[in-house]
Amino acid sequence: MNFFVSGTDTDVGKSYICRYLALAFSKSGKKTGYLKPFQSGLEEGVDPDAKSVEKTVSDVFAKSSYTTATPCTPLISAQMAGIDYDLEKVKKDYEDLSALCDITIVEGSGGLYVPVKKGVLMSDVIKFLNLPLLIVARPDLGTINHTLMTIKCAKIDGIKILGTVISNYPQKTSDPAVLRAKEMIEDFCDVKVLDVVLENQKDLSNLAKILS
């Protein structure tokens, strides 16, 4: 099983979910690959996502197709760096990892409609790689709207959805927006919330089993 991980927004915990999913897959005996096609916002002293996965999972096959410095949408970051992304290179990187691995996780940047290059959105990259989608959402106020919109857009674009994961869920909360997020998402669409990952939870073996 190979799949693409996208968020309902930026900074929702995609990289965290990818990192510990990769660890769970590896612990279960599966050769695991991780690809970050467009890594932007590289800062001194801060590991890019592929390096963070490598530090967490010693035997993972991890790489980035492109790395750029400016912390913004891939299109703008590429323009600032004076480059134009080649989707064929991304596809080859993905296929090379897939040939080595039992499971390959491809992590996007931000959400589905993040611009990648002229005329190309992240959703187009998912379709180009022909991958099913795992959606990562935060538990806060607004997540119901953002998640339902992401699901609807994916369906309109013909992308298969594996399910949704709510990340960084507080262990103690009385906030009804947080407490009822899973229920509301499932009530208003036919896509399941596969897991609710607690803040600082590092064991994602349950989710890994569902996705295997």
Protein backbone atom coordinates (compact mmCIF):
# COMPACT_ATOMS: atom_id res chain seq x y z
CA MET A 1 0.00 0.00 0.00
CA ASN A 2 1.38 3.37 -1.08
CA PHE A 3 -0.44 6.59 -0.30
CA PHE A 4 -0.24 10.37 -0.29
CA VAL A 5 -0.63 12.41 2.91
CA SER A 6 -2.16 15.87 2.67
CA GLY A 7 -3.46 18.26 5.30
CA THR A 8 -6.60 20.31 5.67
CA ASP A 9 -4.23 23.27 6.09
CA THR A 10 -0.58 23.95 6.83
CA ASP A 11 0.97 22.93 10.14
CA VAL A 12 -1.69 20.34 11.03
CA GLY A 13 0.75 17.55 11.92
CA LYS A 14 1.29 15.81 8.56
CA SER A 15 5.00 15.30 9.13
CA TYR A 16 4.44 13.95 12.63
CA ILE A 17 1.88 11.44 11.36
CA CYS A 18 4.15 10.41 8.48
CA ARG A 19 7.15 10.00 10.78
CA TYR A 20 5.45 7.74 13.29
CA LEU A 21 3.48 5.84 10.66
CA ALA A 22 6.80 5.05 9.00
CA LEU A 23 8.12 3.86 12.37
CA ALA A 24 5.07 1.64 12.91
CA PHE A 25 5.35 0.13 9.43
CA SER A 26 9.06 -0.51 9.94
CA LYS A 27 8.48 -2.17 13.33
CA SER A 28 5.93 -4.48 11.71
CA GLY A 29 8.62 -5.73 9.34
CA LYS A 30 7.71 -3.74 6.24
CA LYS A 31 10.34 -1.99 4.15
CA THR A 32 9.19 1.60 4.29
CA GLY A 33 9.83 4.55 1.99
CA TYR A 34 9.12 8.23 2.53
CA LEU A 35 9.10 10.92 -0.16
CA LYS A 36 8.69 14.65 0.34
CA PRO A 37 8.46 15.95 -3.25
CA PHE A 38 8.64 19.67 -2.39
CA GLN A 39 10.51 20.66 0.77
CA SER A 40 10.52 24.40 1.33
CA GLY A 41 11.48 26.62 4.25
CA LEU A 42 14.84 25.07 5.08
CA GLU A 43 16.36 26.84 8.07
CA GLU A 44 19.75 26.40 9.69
CA GLY A 45 19.53 23.91 12.55
CA VAL A 46 16.10 22.62 11.50
CA ASP A 47 15.90 19.18 9.90
CA PRO A 48 13.88 18.87 6.71
CA ASP A 49 11.09 16.34 6.90
CA ALA A 50 13.01 13.52 5.19
CA LYS A 51 15.89 13.89 7.66
CA SER A 52 13.48 13.87 10.58
CA VAL A 53 11.97 10.62 9.32
CA GLU A 54 15.46 9.12 8.96
CA LYS A 55 16.31 10.09 12.54
CA THR A 56 13.12 8.41 13.81
CA VAL A 57 13.24 5.30 11.59
CA SER A 58 16.76 3.96 11.16
CA ASP A 59 15.98 1.67 8.22
CA VAL A 60 13.64 3.96 6.25
CA PHE A 61 14.33 4.90 2.61
CA ALA A 62 13.72 8.67 2.67
CA LYS A 63 14.31 11.48 0.23
CA SER A 64 13.12 14.85 -1.04
CA SER A 65 12.81 15.55 -4.76
CA TYR A 66 13.34 19.30 -4.36
CA THR A 67 14.47 21.48 -1.46
CA THR A 68 14.11 25.26 -1.38
CA ALA A 69 14.79 27.89 1.26
CA THR A 70 11.79 30.21 1.30
CA PRO A 71 9.08 29.06 3.78
CA CYS A 72 6.00 29.38 1.60
CA THR A 73 3.93 27.58 -1.00
CA PRO A 74 6.06 25.38 -3.31
CA LEU A 75 5.40 27.54 -6.38
CA ILE A 76 6.60 30.77 -4.76
CA SER A 77 9.53 29.03 -3.07
CA ALA A 78 10.61 27.55 -6.42
CA GLN A 79 10.32 30.95 -8.10
CA MET A 80 12.47 32.52 -5.37
CA ALA A 81 15.06 29.79 -5.99
CA GLY A 82 14.88 30.23 -9.77
CA ILE A 83 13.78 26.66 -10.47
CA ASP A 84 10.79 24.95 -12.05
CA TYR A 85 9.69 21.62 -10.63
CA ASP A 86 9.73 18.65 -13.00
CA LEU A 87 6.89 16.28 -12.12
CA GLU A 88 8.58 13.49 -14.06
CA LYS A 89 11.49 13.69 -11.58
CA VAL A 90 9.02 13.43 -8.70
CA LYS A 91 7.41 10.42 -10.34
CA LYS A 92 10.78 8.73 -10.86
CA ASP A 93 11.76 9.34 -7.23
CA TYR A 94 8.46 7.81 -6.15
CA GLU A 95 8.83 4.81 -8.46
CA ASP A 96 12.43 4.23 -7.31
CA LEU A 97 11.31 4.16 -3.67
CA SER A 98 8.32 1.96 -4.48
CA ALA A 99 10.60 -0.58 -6.15
CA LEU A 100 12.61 -0.86 -2.92
CA CYS A 101 9.79 -0.78 -0.40
CA ASP A 102 6.63 -2.55 0.71
CA ILE A 103 5.00 0.76 1.65
CA THR A 104 5.82 4.25 0.41
CA ILE A 105 4.44 7.39 2.07
CA VAL A 106 4.40 10.56 -0.01
CA GLU A 107 3.92 13.75 1.98
CA GLY A 108 2.51 16.87 0.38
CA SER A 109 2.94 20.50 1.39
CA GLY A 110 -0.06 22.16 3.02
CA GLY A 111 -3.42 21.24 1.51
CA LEU A 112 -4.85 19.96 -1.76
CA TYR A 113 -5.01 23.28 -3.56
CA VAL A 114 -1.52 24.54 -2.77
CA PRO A 115 0.09 25.80 -6.03
CA VAL A 116 3.09 23.73 -7.10
CA LYS A 117 3.91 25.21 -10.51
CA LYS A 118 2.03 27.19 -13.13
CA GLY A 119 -1.31 25.48 -13.68
CA VAL A 120 -0.52 22.67 -11.22
CA LEU A 121 -1.96 22.21 -7.73
CA MET A 122 -1.00 19.60 -5.13
CA SER A 123 -4.15 17.68 -6.07
CA ASP A 124 -2.76 17.38 -9.61
CA VAL A 125 0.43 15.85 -8.20
CA ILE A 126 -1.62 13.25 -6.30
CA LYS A 127 -3.48 12.35 -9.50
CA PHE A 128 -0.24 12.30 -11.50
CA LEU A 129 1.23 9.76 -9.07
CA ASN A 130 -2.11 7.89 -9.01
CA LEU A 131 -2.11 7.57 -5.22
CA PRO A 132 -4.94 7.29 -2.69
CA LEU A 133 -5.16 10.06 -0.11
CA LEU A 134 -4.87 10.15 3.67
CA ILE A 135 -6.12 13.47 5.06
CA VAL A 136 -4.63 14.89 8.27
CA ALA A 137 -6.67 17.43 10.25
CA ARG A 138 -6.13 19.34 13.46
CA PRO A 139 -8.74 19.05 16.24
CA ASP A 140 -9.36 22.77 16.72
CA LEU A 141 -12.29 25.04 15.85
CA GLY A 142 -12.61 25.19 12.05
CA THR A 143 -11.45 21.64 11.39
CA ILE A 144 -14.95 20.39 10.48
CA ASN A 145 -15.28 22.97 7.71
CA HIS A 146 -11.72 22.48 6.43
CA THR A 147 -11.96 18.70 6.50
CA LEU A 148 -15.32 18.51 4.73
CA MET A 149 -14.09 20.95 2.05
CA THR A 150 -10.91 18.91 1.54
CA ILE A 151 -12.94 15.70 1.19
CA LYS A 152 -15.35 17.32 -1.27
CA CYS A 153 -12.52 18.75 -3.38
CA ALA A 154 -10.72 15.39 -3.47
CA LYS A 155 -13.90 13.66 -4.63
CA ILE A 156 -14.53 16.28 -7.33
CA ASP A 157 -10.95 15.76 -8.53
CA GLY A 158 -11.43 11.98 -8.67
CA ILE A 159 -8.96 11.20 -5.88
CA LYS A 160 -9.57 8.06 -3.83
CA ILE A 161 -9.73 8.86 -0.10
CA LEU A 162 -8.48 6.32 2.43
CA GLY A 163 -9.77 8.31 5.38
CA THR A 164 -9.01 11.12 7.78
CA VAL A 165 -6.74 11.31 10.82
CA ILE A 166 -7.18 13.93 13.53
CA SER A 167 -3.73 14.75 14.92
CA ASN A 168 -2.45 16.35 18.11
CA TYR A 169 -5.73 15.74 19.95
CA PRO A 170 -5.60 17.14 23.51
CA GLN A 171 -5.73 14.51 26.24
CA LYS A 172 -7.93 16.74 28.39
CA THR A 173 -10.46 19.13 26.89
CA SER A 174 -13.96 20.40 27.47
CA ASP A 175 -14.13 22.24 24.15
CA PRO A 176 -17.22 20.98 22.26
CA ALA A 177 -15.61 21.90 18.91
CA VAL A 178 -12.82 19.45 19.69
CA LEU A 179 -14.93 16.80 21.40
CA ARG A 180 -17.42 16.54 18.53
CA ALA A 181 -15.08 17.02 15.55
CA LYS A 182 -14.86 13.29 14.69
CA GLU A 183 -18.61 12.82 14.99
CA MET A 184 -19.44 15.85 12.84
CA ILE A 185 -16.95 14.94 10.11
CA GLU A 186 -18.36 11.42 9.81
CA ASP A 187 -21.98 12.61 10.02
CA PHE A 188 -21.60 14.93 7.04
CA CYS A 189 -19.61 12.71 4.67
CA ASP A 190 -19.00 9.06 3.91
CA VAL A 191 -15.30 9.20 4.82
CA LYS A 192 -14.23 7.64 8.11
CA VAL A 193 -11.96 9.20 10.70
CA LEU A 194 -9.52 6.32 10.88
CA ASP A 195 -7.76 7.46 14.03
CA VAL A 196 -7.57 10.23 16.60
CA VAL A 197 -3.90 10.70 17.51
CA LEU A 198 -3.32 12.21 20.94
CA GLU A 199 -0.77 14.97 21.47
CA ASN A 200 2.71 13.44 21.82
CA GLN A 201 1.41 9.97 20.89
CA LYS A 202 4.16 8.09 19.09
CA ASP A 203 2.62 4.64 18.75
CA LEU A 204 0.60 4.64 15.52
CA SER A 205 0.52 0.86 15.12
CA ASN A 206 -3.30 0.86 15.09
CA LEU A 207 -3.42 3.30 12.18
CA ALA A 208 -0.63 1.42 10.41
CA LYS A 209 -2.66 -1.81 10.61
CA ILE A 210 -5.70 -0.09 9.13
CA LEU A 211 -3.63 1.26 6.23
CA SER A 212 -1.66 -1.92 5.54
